[in-house]
Structures are given as structure tokens and as C-alpha cells.
Amino acid sequence: MMTIFIMAEQNFVFNGIEVKLTGRKAQKTLRNNTEILFEIQPADPDEGCWKRWVRQVELYEIQENNNE
């Protein structure tokens, strides 16, 4: 089984939009592994009001640049 390192208070980029996790996840157990989907929504309400289920590998982690 894959270990999930994803923090609920962290924002991510998905399809060019900054998103946040809703806190819900869906899990499907197959023979030799478990597939997990995370529910996301836009971090900025101006981007619309929608939710979508995605795999962790589809999310880009936002990292602050401390060199500036």
C-alpha cells in the first residue's frame, strides 16, 4: 500500500488553478493496491464554485521561494 503524505491545510495547483482539499477522500481497494482519490475545490472563490475528485499525482505542491 502507498503512503499518502498530503496535508489538508496546504494548497496545490491543478490544471493551472490553485486548489485546496475539502478533507474528503475516496478509496478503492484492488487486489494488490489501493487507489485513493482526493476531493478538491478552488482556493479562490473567484475561480468558481466546483469540486472534483483527483489522484494525488495530479496535484502540484506549491512551494514558497525564500530566496527573494
Protein backbone atom coordinates (compact mmCIF):
# COMPACT_ATOMS: atom_id res chain seq x y z
CA MET A 1 0.00 0.00 0.00
CA MET A 2 1.24 3.51 -0.86
CA THR A 3 1.83 6.00 1.97
CA ILE A 4 -0.01 9.29 1.48
CA PHE A 5 1.80 12.47 2.54
CA ILE A 6 -0.74 15.18 1.86
CA MET A 7 -1.66 17.97 4.27
CA ALA A 8 -5.22 19.33 4.36
CA GLU A 9 -4.20 22.95 5.04
CA GLN A 10 -1.80 23.03 2.09
CA ASN A 11 -2.81 24.47 -1.31
CA PHE A 12 -1.94 22.84 -4.63
CA VAL A 13 -2.10 23.62 -8.36
CA PHE A 14 -4.46 21.60 -10.55
CA ASN A 15 -4.98 22.49 -14.23
CA GLY A 16 -3.49 25.94 -13.65
CA ILE A 17 -5.79 26.78 -10.73
CA GLU A 18 -4.81 26.99 -7.08
CA VAL A 19 -6.95 24.48 -5.18
CA LYS A 20 -7.40 23.21 -1.64
CA LEU A 21 -8.52 19.88 -0.27
CA THR A 22 -12.04 19.59 1.10
CA GLY A 23 -10.95 16.93 3.59
CA ARG A 24 -12.85 14.09 1.91
CA LYS A 25 -11.22 11.14 0.17
CA ALA A 26 -12.46 8.07 -1.64
CA GLN A 27 -10.74 4.71 -1.52
CA LYS A 28 -10.98 1.66 -3.76
CA THR A 29 -9.12 -1.49 -2.82
CA LEU A 30 -7.96 -3.67 -5.69
CA ARG A 31 -6.14 -7.00 -5.49
CA ASN A 32 -2.65 -5.71 -4.77
CA ASN A 33 -3.08 -1.99 -4.16
CA THR A 34 -5.42 0.73 -3.00
CA GLU A 35 -6.43 3.66 -5.20
CA ILE A 36 -7.22 6.89 -3.34
CA LEU A 37 -8.92 10.00 -4.72
CA PHE A 38 -8.96 13.39 -3.00
CA GLU A 39 -11.76 15.94 -3.33
CA ILE A 40 -10.55 19.45 -4.25
CA GLN A 41 -12.11 22.87 -4.73
CA PRO A 42 -10.74 26.27 -5.81
CA ALA A 43 -8.80 28.11 -3.10
CA ASP A 44 -10.08 31.43 -4.50
CA PRO A 45 -13.90 31.78 -4.73
CA ASP A 46 -13.43 33.97 -7.83
CA GLU A 47 -12.36 30.80 -9.71
CA GLY A 48 -15.88 29.38 -9.35
CA CYS A 49 -17.69 27.00 -7.06
CA TRP A 50 -16.89 23.42 -8.07
CA LYS A 51 -15.46 20.24 -6.61
CA ARG A 52 -13.56 17.45 -8.32
CA TRP A 53 -12.05 14.09 -7.39
CA VAL A 54 -8.35 13.70 -8.33
CA ARG A 55 -5.40 11.41 -7.70
CA GLN A 56 -2.53 12.76 -5.59
CA VAL A 57 -0.15 12.58 -8.58
CA GLU A 58 -2.36 15.12 -10.41
CA LEU A 59 -1.69 17.81 -7.78
CA TYR A 60 1.36 20.08 -7.88
CA GLU A 61 2.66 21.15 -4.48
CA ILE A 62 3.12 24.92 -4.08
CA GLN A 63 6.49 25.82 -2.63
CA GLU A 64 7.39 29.28 -1.39
CA ASN A 65 10.60 30.79 -2.80
CA ASN A 66 12.61 32.07 0.19
CA ASN A 67 15.50 33.39 -1.96
CA GLU A 68 13.81 36.65 -2.93
